[in-house]
Amino acid sequence: MSFKTDLALSIRSIPDYPKPGIIFRDITTLLGDAIAFRQAVDELVKPYVGLGVDKIAGIEARGFILGGALAHQLSAGFVPIRKKGKLPHETVRMAYSLEYGTDEMEMHVDALKPGEKVILTDDLIATGGTAEGAVRLLRQLGAEIVSACFVIDLPDLGGRKKLEALGVEVRTLVEFAGH
């Protein structure tokens, strides 16, 4: 038996978090709902079946949850992209822009081979600073980025356009207006 749900209804909206005027889109409620979680993973995987994807790169932290599920479904490896200082082996690092300042992310130097087909994933695309940094980091190691996929897009913040300007196809499942 197959069930389908409106994924937007399974995402909790928290007003004024982390600061006044922001509506935080929390996917932990989607992850906790077996039907919604399965549907989200199935919908994210569907366009990539049969493309010979080698790796799924997930951005810390919720991108790890989605990325692990996508990697399993596509019989691909998983590459964690972490905040600096969290990985135990030799790494490559990339600075990226945040709403207020910059930070750095890293991955192991041997996480992928040049030319491998990679899908980048995270729970949400907002301003695109983190995802843009991840794209640049993956390309630094020679990855062929097939696509970037997210559960949520906040189109008013322009992240999708930022990735598309880098030549990356972007797929999302749900859009929310505003912040």
N, C-alpha and C. Protein backbone atom coordinates (compact mmCIF):
# COMPACT_ATOMS: atom_id res chain seq x y z
N MET A 1 0.85 -1.18 0.00
CA MET A 1 0.00 0.00 0.00
C MET A 1 0.89 1.24 0.00
N SER A 2 0.54 2.23 -0.78
CA SER A 2 1.33 3.45 -0.89
C SER A 2 0.53 4.63 -0.36
N PHE A 3 1.17 5.43 0.43
CA PHE A 3 0.54 6.64 0.97
C PHE A 3 1.35 7.82 0.49
N LYS A 4 0.70 8.96 0.35
CA LYS A 4 1.38 10.18 -0.05
C LYS A 4 0.91 11.30 0.86
N THR A 5 1.81 12.17 1.22
CA THR A 5 1.48 13.27 2.12
C THR A 5 1.96 14.58 1.50
N ASP A 6 1.39 15.68 1.95
CA ASP A 6 1.87 17.00 1.56
C ASP A 6 3.10 17.28 2.43
N LEU A 7 4.27 17.20 1.83
CA LEU A 7 5.50 17.33 2.61
C LEU A 7 5.58 18.66 3.37
N ALA A 8 5.04 19.72 2.80
CA ALA A 8 5.09 21.02 3.49
C ALA A 8 4.39 20.96 4.85
N LEU A 9 3.35 20.14 4.93
CA LEU A 9 2.62 20.02 6.20
C LEU A 9 3.39 19.23 7.25
N SER A 10 4.40 18.49 6.82
CA SER A 10 5.19 17.70 7.78
C SER A 10 6.42 18.46 8.27
N ILE A 11 6.57 19.70 7.84
CA ILE A 11 7.71 20.54 8.25
C ILE A 11 7.21 21.57 9.26
N ARG A 12 7.85 21.59 10.42
CA ARG A 12 7.46 22.51 11.49
C ARG A 12 8.03 23.90 11.19
N SER A 13 7.21 24.92 11.35
CA SER A 13 7.66 26.31 11.20
C SER A 13 7.71 26.96 12.57
N ILE A 14 8.88 27.50 12.90
CA ILE A 14 9.10 28.10 14.21
C ILE A 14 9.37 29.59 14.03
N PRO A 15 8.41 30.44 14.40
CA PRO A 15 8.61 31.89 14.21
C PRO A 15 9.66 32.45 15.18
N ASP A 16 10.34 33.49 14.70
CA ASP A 16 11.31 34.24 15.51
C ASP A 16 12.46 33.38 16.04
N TYR A 17 12.89 32.40 15.24
CA TYR A 17 14.04 31.59 15.60
C TYR A 17 14.96 31.50 14.40
N PRO A 18 16.23 31.72 14.53
CA PRO A 18 16.99 31.99 15.74
C PRO A 18 16.97 33.45 16.19
N LYS A 19 16.26 34.30 15.42
CA LYS A 19 16.14 35.71 15.83
C LYS A 19 14.80 36.25 15.35
N PRO A 20 14.36 37.35 15.88
CA PRO A 20 13.07 37.92 15.49
C PRO A 20 12.98 38.17 13.98
N GLY A 21 11.83 37.83 13.41
CA GLY A 21 11.59 38.04 11.99
C GLY A 21 11.91 36.85 11.11
N ILE A 22 12.61 35.86 11.66
CA ILE A 22 12.96 34.65 10.90
C ILE A 22 11.95 33.55 11.22
N ILE A 23 11.54 32.82 10.21
CA ILE A 23 10.72 31.62 10.43
C ILE A 23 11.61 30.43 10.11
N PHE A 24 11.96 29.67 11.15
CA PHE A 24 12.84 28.51 10.99
C PHE A 24 12.02 27.34 10.48
N ARG A 25 12.49 26.70 9.41
CA ARG A 25 11.82 25.53 8.83
C ARG A 25 12.54 24.29 9.33
N ASP A 26 11.87 23.57 10.21
CA ASP A 26 12.45 22.44 10.94
C ASP A 26 12.00 21.12 10.32
N ILE A 27 12.95 20.37 9.72
CA ILE A 27 12.57 19.11 9.10
C ILE A 27 12.58 17.92 10.07
N THR A 28 12.90 18.15 11.34
CA THR A 28 12.92 17.00 12.26
C THR A 28 11.54 16.35 12.35
N THR A 29 10.48 17.11 12.17
CA THR A 29 9.14 16.53 12.18
C THR A 29 8.92 15.67 10.94
N LEU A 30 9.44 16.08 9.79
CA LEU A 30 9.37 15.26 8.58
C LEU A 30 10.18 13.98 8.77
N LEU A 31 11.37 14.10 9.33
CA LEU A 31 12.22 12.94 9.55
C LEU A 31 11.58 11.93 10.50
N GLY A 32 10.80 12.42 11.45
CA GLY A 32 10.14 11.56 12.43
C GLY A 32 8.86 10.91 11.93
N ASP A 33 8.39 11.33 10.78
CA ASP A 33 7.18 10.79 10.17
C ASP A 33 7.60 9.79 9.09
N ALA A 34 7.40 8.50 9.35
CA ALA A 34 7.89 7.45 8.44
C ALA A 34 7.40 7.64 7.01
N ILE A 35 6.16 8.00 6.84
CA ILE A 35 5.60 8.16 5.49
C ILE A 35 6.22 9.37 4.79
N ALA A 36 6.29 10.49 5.49
CA ALA A 36 6.86 11.72 4.90
C ALA A 36 8.34 11.54 4.60
N PHE A 37 9.08 10.92 5.51
CA PHE A 37 10.52 10.73 5.30
C PHE A 37 10.76 9.83 4.09
N ARG A 38 10.05 8.73 3.99
CA ARG A 38 10.20 7.82 2.85
C ARG A 38 9.85 8.54 1.55
N GLN A 39 8.76 9.30 1.58
CA GLN A 39 8.34 10.03 0.38
C GLN A 39 9.40 11.04 -0.04
N ALA A 40 9.94 11.78 0.92
CA ALA A 40 10.96 12.78 0.61
C ALA A 40 12.19 12.11 -0.01
N VAL A 41 12.65 11.02 0.58
CA VAL A 41 13.82 10.32 0.04
C VAL A 41 13.51 9.78 -1.36
N ASP A 42 12.34 9.16 -1.52
CA ASP A 42 11.97 8.62 -2.83
C ASP A 42 11.92 9.72 -3.89
N GLU A 43 11.34 10.87 -3.55
CA GLU A 43 11.24 11.97 -4.51
C GLU A 43 12.60 12.59 -4.82
N LEU A 44 13.49 12.63 -3.83
CA LEU A 44 14.83 13.16 -4.07
C LEU A 44 15.65 12.21 -4.95
N VAL A 45 15.49 10.91 -4.76
CA VAL A 45 16.26 9.90 -5.48
C VAL A 45 15.80 9.74 -6.93
N LYS A 46 14.52 9.82 -7.16
CA LYS A 46 13.91 9.45 -8.45
C LYS A 46 14.63 10.01 -9.69
N PRO A 47 14.97 11.30 -9.73
CA PRO A 47 15.60 11.82 -10.96
C PRO A 47 17.01 11.28 -11.23
N TYR A 48 17.62 10.65 -10.24
CA TYR A 48 19.01 10.25 -10.37
C TYR A 48 19.21 8.75 -10.60
N VAL A 49 18.13 7.98 -10.56
CA VAL A 49 18.23 6.54 -10.77
C VAL A 49 18.77 6.28 -12.18
N GLY A 50 19.78 5.44 -12.24
CA GLY A 50 20.35 5.06 -13.53
C GLY A 50 21.38 6.02 -14.10
N LEU A 51 21.72 7.07 -13.36
CA LEU A 51 22.71 8.04 -13.86
C LEU A 51 24.15 7.67 -13.50
N GLY A 52 24.33 6.60 -12.75
CA GLY A 52 25.69 6.19 -12.39
C GLY A 52 26.36 7.13 -11.41
N VAL A 53 25.59 7.62 -10.45
CA VAL A 53 26.14 8.52 -9.43
C VAL A 53 27.12 7.74 -8.56
N ASP A 54 28.30 8.31 -8.34
CA ASP A 54 29.33 7.66 -7.53
C ASP A 54 29.23 8.00 -6.05
N LYS A 55 28.94 9.27 -5.74
CA LYS A 55 28.94 9.72 -4.35
C LYS A 55 27.80 10.70 -4.10
N ILE A 56 27.33 10.68 -2.88
CA ILE A 56 26.42 11.70 -2.37
C ILE A 56 27.22 12.48 -1.34
N ALA A 57 27.28 13.80 -1.48
CA ALA A 57 27.97 14.65 -0.52
C ALA A 57 26.90 15.36 0.31
N GLY A 58 26.95 15.15 1.62
CA GLY A 58 25.97 15.75 2.52
C GLY A 58 26.62 16.81 3.38
N ILE A 59 25.93 17.95 3.48
CA ILE A 59 26.42 19.07 4.30
C ILE A 59 25.95 18.86 5.74
N GLU A 60 26.88 19.03 6.67
CA GLU A 60 26.58 18.88 8.10
C GLU A 60 25.44 19.79 8.50
N ALA A 61 24.48 19.34 9.23
CA ALA A 61 24.26 18.05 9.84
C ALA A 61 23.09 17.31 9.20
N ARG A 62 22.03 18.02 8.86
CA ARG A 62 20.86 17.31 8.32
C ARG A 62 21.12 16.75 6.93
N GLY A 63 22.10 17.29 6.23
CA GLY A 63 22.50 16.71 4.95
C GLY A 63 23.10 15.32 5.11
N PHE A 64 23.58 15.01 6.32
CA PHE A 64 24.09 13.66 6.60
C PHE A 64 22.93 12.66 6.60
N ILE A 65 21.82 13.06 7.21
CA ILE A 65 20.66 12.16 7.30
C ILE A 65 20.12 11.87 5.91
N LEU A 66 19.88 12.93 5.17
CA LEU A 66 19.36 12.77 3.80
C LEU A 66 20.38 12.09 2.91
N GLY A 67 21.63 12.50 3.01
CA GLY A 67 22.68 11.95 2.16
C GLY A 67 22.89 10.47 2.37
N GLY A 68 22.83 10.02 3.60
CA GLY A 68 22.97 8.59 3.87
C GLY A 68 21.85 7.79 3.22
N ALA A 69 20.64 8.30 3.32
CA ALA A 69 19.49 7.61 2.71
C ALA A 69 19.60 7.61 1.19
N LEU A 70 19.99 8.74 0.60
CA LEU A 70 20.13 8.83 -0.85
C LEU A 70 21.25 7.90 -1.34
N ALA A 71 22.37 7.89 -0.63
CA ALA A 71 23.49 7.04 -1.01
C ALA A 71 23.06 5.57 -1.00
N HIS A 72 22.34 5.18 0.02
CA HIS A 72 21.86 3.80 0.12
C HIS A 72 20.96 3.46 -1.07
N GLN A 73 20.02 4.32 -1.37
CA GLN A 73 19.06 4.06 -2.44
C GLN A 73 19.73 4.04 -3.82
N LEU A 74 20.79 4.82 -4.00
CA LEU A 74 21.47 4.90 -5.29
C LEU A 74 22.71 4.01 -5.38
N SER A 75 22.95 3.22 -4.33
CA SER A 75 24.16 2.37 -4.27
C SER A 75 25.42 3.20 -4.52
N ALA A 76 25.48 4.34 -3.88
CA ALA A 76 26.61 5.26 -4.00
C ALA A 76 27.32 5.38 -2.66
N GLY A 77 28.51 5.91 -2.69
CA GLY A 77 29.22 6.21 -1.46
C GLY A 77 28.71 7.52 -0.86
N PHE A 78 29.09 7.77 0.39
CA PHE A 78 28.67 9.01 1.06
C PHE A 78 29.91 9.79 1.49
N VAL A 79 29.89 11.10 1.25
CA VAL A 79 30.98 12.00 1.63
C VAL A 79 30.43 13.07 2.57
N PRO A 80 30.92 13.10 3.82
CA PRO A 80 30.49 14.17 4.73
C PRO A 80 31.28 15.45 4.48
N ILE A 81 30.56 16.56 4.39
CA ILE A 81 31.19 17.88 4.34
C ILE A 81 30.92 18.50 5.70
N ARG A 82 31.99 18.73 6.45
CA ARG A 82 31.87 19.11 7.86
C ARG A 82 32.42 20.50 8.14
N LYS A 83 32.03 21.02 9.27
CA LYS A 83 32.63 22.26 9.76
C LYS A 83 34.09 21.97 10.07
N LYS A 84 34.92 23.00 9.97
CA LYS A 84 36.36 22.79 10.15
C LYS A 84 36.68 22.18 11.52
N GLY A 85 37.72 21.35 11.50
CA GLY A 85 38.21 20.76 12.74
C GLY A 85 37.50 19.50 13.20
N LYS A 86 36.59 18.96 12.41
CA LYS A 86 35.81 17.80 12.84
C LYS A 86 36.26 16.48 12.21
N LEU A 87 37.09 16.54 11.17
CA LEU A 87 37.50 15.33 10.48
C LEU A 87 38.90 14.92 10.91
N PRO A 88 39.15 13.62 11.11
CA PRO A 88 40.41 13.16 11.69
C PRO A 88 41.58 12.99 10.72
N HIS A 89 41.33 12.98 9.43
CA HIS A 89 42.38 12.72 8.45
C HIS A 89 42.71 14.02 7.72
N GLU A 90 43.67 13.97 6.81
CA GLU A 90 44.05 15.15 6.03
C GLU A 90 42.84 15.68 5.25
N THR A 91 42.65 16.99 5.27
CA THR A 91 41.46 17.59 4.66
C THR A 91 41.81 18.70 3.67
N VAL A 92 40.82 19.03 2.85
CA VAL A 92 40.84 20.26 2.06
C VAL A 92 39.75 21.14 2.66
N ARG A 93 39.97 22.43 2.61
CA ARG A 93 39.09 23.38 3.30
C ARG A 93 38.64 24.47 2.35
N MET A 94 37.44 25.01 2.60
CA MET A 94 36.89 26.09 1.80
C MET A 94 36.14 27.05 2.73
N ALA A 95 36.41 28.34 2.57
CA ALA A 95 35.65 29.35 3.30
C ALA A 95 34.33 29.58 2.57
N TYR A 96 33.30 29.92 3.33
CA TYR A 96 32.00 30.22 2.72
C TYR A 96 31.32 31.32 3.50
N SER A 97 30.36 31.98 2.83
CA SER A 97 29.67 33.12 3.43
C SER A 97 28.45 32.69 4.20
N LEU A 98 28.29 33.30 5.35
CA LEU A 98 27.08 33.16 6.16
C LEU A 98 26.35 34.49 6.13
N GLU A 99 25.16 34.52 6.71
CA GLU A 99 24.40 35.76 6.73
C GLU A 99 25.20 36.88 7.40
N TYR A 100 25.94 36.52 8.46
CA TYR A 100 26.76 37.51 9.17
C TYR A 100 28.17 36.98 9.32
N GLY A 101 28.97 37.08 8.27
CA GLY A 101 30.36 36.65 8.36
C GLY A 101 30.67 35.45 7.49
N THR A 102 31.74 34.75 7.88
CA THR A 102 32.18 33.58 7.11
C THR A 102 32.49 32.44 8.06
N ASP A 103 32.61 31.25 7.49
CA ASP A 103 33.04 30.07 8.23
C ASP A 103 33.82 29.21 7.25
N GLU A 104 34.26 28.05 7.69
CA GLU A 104 34.99 27.15 6.81
C GLU A 104 34.43 25.74 6.94
N MET A 105 34.43 25.02 5.81
CA MET A 105 34.02 23.62 5.80
C MET A 105 35.15 22.81 5.20
N GLU A 106 35.12 21.51 5.47
CA GLU A 106 36.18 20.67 4.94
C GLU A 106 35.69 19.26 4.68
N MET A 107 36.50 18.55 3.90
CA MET A 107 36.28 17.13 3.66
C MET A 107 37.63 16.47 3.51
N HIS A 108 37.67 15.16 3.64
CA HIS A 108 38.93 14.44 3.50
C HIS A 108 39.46 14.56 2.07
N VAL A 109 40.78 14.68 1.95
CA VAL A 109 41.39 14.82 0.62
C VAL A 109 41.16 13.61 -0.26
N ASP A 110 40.94 12.46 0.35
CA ASP A 110 40.73 11.23 -0.41
C ASP A 110 39.25 10.80 -0.46
N ALA A 111 38.34 11.75 -0.22
CA ALA A 111 36.90 11.43 -0.16
C ALA A 111 36.32 11.08 -1.52
N LEU A 112 36.95 11.57 -2.57
CA LEU A 112 36.49 11.23 -3.92
C LEU A 112 37.63 11.34 -4.90
N LYS A 113 37.42 10.72 -6.04
CA LYS A 113 38.42 10.74 -7.10
C LYS A 113 37.98 11.73 -8.17
N PRO A 114 38.93 12.38 -8.86
CA PRO A 114 38.56 13.30 -9.94
C PRO A 114 37.66 12.61 -10.96
N GLY A 115 36.62 13.32 -11.38
CA GLY A 115 35.69 12.80 -12.37
C GLY A 115 34.51 12.03 -11.81
N GLU A 116 34.52 11.76 -10.50
CA GLU A 116 33.38 11.04 -9.93
C GLU A 116 32.14 11.92 -9.99
N LYS A 117 31.01 11.28 -10.27
CA LYS A 117 29.72 11.98 -10.33
C LYS A 117 29.15 12.10 -8.92
N VAL A 118 28.87 13.34 -8.52
CA VAL A 118 28.46 13.63 -7.15
C VAL A 118 27.16 14.43 -7.13
N ILE A 119 26.30 14.07 -6.18
CA ILE A 119 25.11 14.86 -5.88
C ILE A 119 25.33 15.48 -4.51
N LEU A 120 25.11 16.77 -4.41
CA LEU A 120 25.21 17.50 -3.14
C LEU A 120 23.83 17.58 -2.53
N THR A 121 23.71 17.36 -1.22
CA THR A 121 22.41 17.45 -0.57
C THR A 121 22.49 18.11 0.80
N ASP A 122 21.38 18.74 1.15
CA ASP A 122 21.16 19.30 2.48
C ASP A 122 19.66 19.43 2.66
N ASP A 123 19.24 19.81 3.85
CA ASP A 123 17.80 19.91 4.10
C ASP A 123 17.18 21.14 3.45
N LEU A 124 17.96 22.23 3.34
CA LEU A 124 17.37 23.50 2.94
C LEU A 124 18.37 24.35 2.18
N ILE A 125 17.89 25.06 1.17
CA ILE A 125 18.70 26.06 0.47
C ILE A 125 18.08 27.43 0.75
N ALA A 126 18.87 28.31 1.34
CA ALA A 126 18.38 29.66 1.68
C ALA A 126 19.20 30.68 0.87
N THR A 127 20.22 31.26 1.48
CA THR A 127 21.05 32.23 0.75
C THR A 127 22.03 31.54 -0.18
N GLY A 128 22.29 30.27 0.06
CA GLY A 128 23.17 29.51 -0.81
C GLY A 128 24.65 29.58 -0.47
N GLY A 129 25.02 30.32 0.55
CA GLY A 129 26.44 30.46 0.89
C GLY A 129 27.11 29.14 1.24
N THR A 130 26.46 28.34 2.05
CA THR A 130 27.04 27.05 2.44
C THR A 130 27.10 26.11 1.25
N ALA A 131 26.02 26.02 0.50
CA ALA A 131 25.98 25.13 -0.67
C ALA A 131 27.01 25.57 -1.71
N GLU A 132 27.16 26.86 -1.92
CA GLU A 132 28.15 27.36 -2.88
C GLU A 132 29.56 26.96 -2.44
N GLY A 133 29.84 27.10 -1.14
CA GLY A 133 31.14 26.67 -0.62
C GLY A 133 31.36 25.19 -0.83
N ALA A 134 30.30 24.38 -0.63
CA ALA A 134 30.41 22.94 -0.82
C ALA A 134 30.68 22.60 -2.29
N VAL A 135 30.01 23.29 -3.20
CA VAL A 135 30.24 23.07 -4.63
C VAL A 135 31.69 23.37 -4.97
N ARG A 136 32.19 24.47 -4.49
CA ARG A 136 33.59 24.85 -4.77
C ARG A 136 34.58 23.84 -4.17
N LEU A 137 34.25 23.34 -2.99
CA LEU A 137 35.10 22.35 -2.34
C LEU A 137 35.11 21.04 -3.13
N LEU A 138 33.95 20.58 -3.56
CA LEU A 138 33.86 19.36 -4.35
C LEU A 138 34.60 19.51 -5.68
N ARG A 139 34.45 20.64 -6.30
CA ARG A 139 35.14 20.87 -7.58
C ARG A 139 36.64 20.97 -7.39
N GLN A 140 37.08 21.44 -6.25
CA GLN A 140 38.52 21.52 -5.95
C GLN A 140 39.15 20.13 -6.02
N LEU A 141 38.38 19.09 -5.67
CA LEU A 141 38.88 17.72 -5.74
C LEU A 141 38.51 17.04 -7.05
N GLY A 142 37.93 17.78 -8.00
CA GLY A 142 37.67 17.24 -9.32
C GLY A 142 36.34 16.56 -9.51
N ALA A 143 35.39 16.77 -8.60
CA ALA A 143 34.07 16.15 -8.72
C ALA A 143 33.30 16.71 -9.91
N GLU A 144 32.52 15.86 -10.54
CA GLU A 144 31.53 16.29 -11.53
C GLU A 144 30.21 16.37 -10.78
N ILE A 145 29.73 17.57 -10.57
CA ILE A 145 28.50 17.73 -9.78
C ILE A 145 27.30 17.55 -10.69
N VAL A 146 26.59 16.46 -10.45
CA VAL A 146 25.41 16.10 -11.24
C VAL A 146 24.26 17.04 -10.91
N SER A 147 24.11 17.35 -9.62
CA SER A 147 22.97 18.14 -9.16
C SER A 147 23.16 18.46 -7.68
N ALA A 148 22.36 19.39 -7.20
CA ALA A 148 22.23 19.65 -5.77
C ALA A 148 20.75 19.50 -5.45
N CYS A 149 20.44 18.79 -4.37
CA CYS A 149 19.03 18.59 -4.03
C CYS A 149 18.79 18.90 -2.56
N PHE A 150 17.62 19.45 -2.31
CA PHE A 150 17.23 19.91 -0.99
C PHE A 150 15.75 19.60 -0.79
N VAL A 151 15.35 19.41 0.44
CA VAL A 151 13.93 19.26 0.72
C VAL A 151 13.25 20.61 0.55
N ILE A 152 13.85 21.67 1.11
CA ILE A 152 13.22 22.99 1.17
C ILE A 152 14.01 24.02 0.40
N ASP A 153 13.29 24.87 -0.32
CA ASP A 153 13.87 26.04 -0.97
C ASP A 153 13.19 27.28 -0.40
N LEU A 154 13.98 28.26 -0.03
CA LEU A 154 13.48 29.59 0.35
C LEU A 154 13.86 30.52 -0.80
N PRO A 155 13.06 30.53 -1.87
CA PRO A 155 13.46 31.22 -3.11
C PRO A 155 13.71 32.71 -2.95
N ASP A 156 13.05 33.35 -2.00
CA ASP A 156 13.24 34.79 -1.81
C ASP A 156 14.67 35.14 -1.39
N LEU A 157 15.43 34.15 -0.89
CA LEU A 157 16.78 34.41 -0.43
C LEU A 157 17.85 34.16 -1.49
N GLY A 158 17.46 33.59 -2.65
CA GLY A 158 18.34 33.54 -3.81
C GLY A 158 19.38 32.44 -3.88
N GLY A 159 19.36 31.49 -2.98
CA GLY A 159 20.37 30.43 -3.00
C GLY A 159 20.34 29.57 -4.24
N ARG A 160 19.17 29.23 -4.69
CA ARG A 160 19.03 28.40 -5.89
C ARG A 160 19.70 29.08 -7.08
N LYS A 161 19.42 30.38 -7.25
CA LYS A 161 20.01 31.13 -8.37
C LYS A 161 21.53 31.17 -8.27
N LYS A 162 22.04 31.25 -7.06
CA LYS A 162 23.50 31.28 -6.85
C LYS A 162 24.13 29.98 -7.34
N LEU A 163 23.50 28.84 -7.03
CA LEU A 163 24.04 27.55 -7.49
C LEU A 163 23.87 27.38 -8.99
N GLU A 164 22.73 27.80 -9.52
CA GLU A 164 22.51 27.69 -10.96
C GLU A 164 23.51 28.55 -11.73
N ALA A 165 23.91 29.69 -11.16
CA ALA A 165 24.92 30.54 -11.79
C ALA A 165 26.28 29.84 -11.86
N LEU A 166 26.48 28.85 -10.98
CA LEU A 166 27.71 28.05 -11.00
C LEU A 166 27.57 26.85 -11.94
N GLY A 167 26.43 26.75 -12.62
CA GLY A 167 26.20 25.64 -13.53
C GLY A 167 25.70 24.37 -12.86
N VAL A 168 25.15 24.50 -11.66
CA VAL A 168 24.65 23.35 -10.92
C VAL A 168 23.13 23.29 -11.02
N GLU A 169 22.63 22.14 -11.47
CA GLU A 169 21.19 21.91 -11.47
C GLU A 169 20.73 21.79 -10.01
N VAL A 170 19.58 22.40 -9.70
CA VAL A 170 19.05 22.37 -8.35
C VAL A 170 17.65 21.76 -8.36
N ARG A 171 17.43 20.81 -7.46
CA ARG A 171 16.10 20.20 -7.29
C ARG A 171 15.68 20.36 -5.85
N THR A 172 14.41 20.76 -5.68
CA THR A 172 13.85 20.90 -4.33
C THR A 172 12.46 20.29 -4.32
N LEU A 173 11.95 20.01 -3.13
CA LEU A 173 10.63 19.40 -3.00
C LEU A 173 9.56 20.36 -2.53
N VAL A 174 9.93 21.33 -1.70
CA VAL A 174 8.98 22.24 -1.07
C VAL A 174 9.53 23.66 -1.10
N GLU A 175 8.70 24.64 -1.36
CA GLU A 175 9.13 26.04 -1.28
C GLU A 175 8.32 26.76 -0.21
N PHE A 176 9.01 27.65 0.50
CA PHE A 176 8.35 28.53 1.45
C PHE A 176 8.77 29.96 1.12
N ALA A 177 7.82 30.86 1.01
CA ALA A 177 8.12 32.27 0.77
C ALA A 177 8.75 32.89 2.02
N GLY A 178 9.49 33.96 1.80
CA GLY A 178 10.06 34.70 2.92
C GLY A 178 11.33 34.07 3.45
N HIS A 179 11.62 34.37 4.69
CA HIS A 179 12.84 33.87 5.35
C HIS A 179 12.52 32.59 6.05
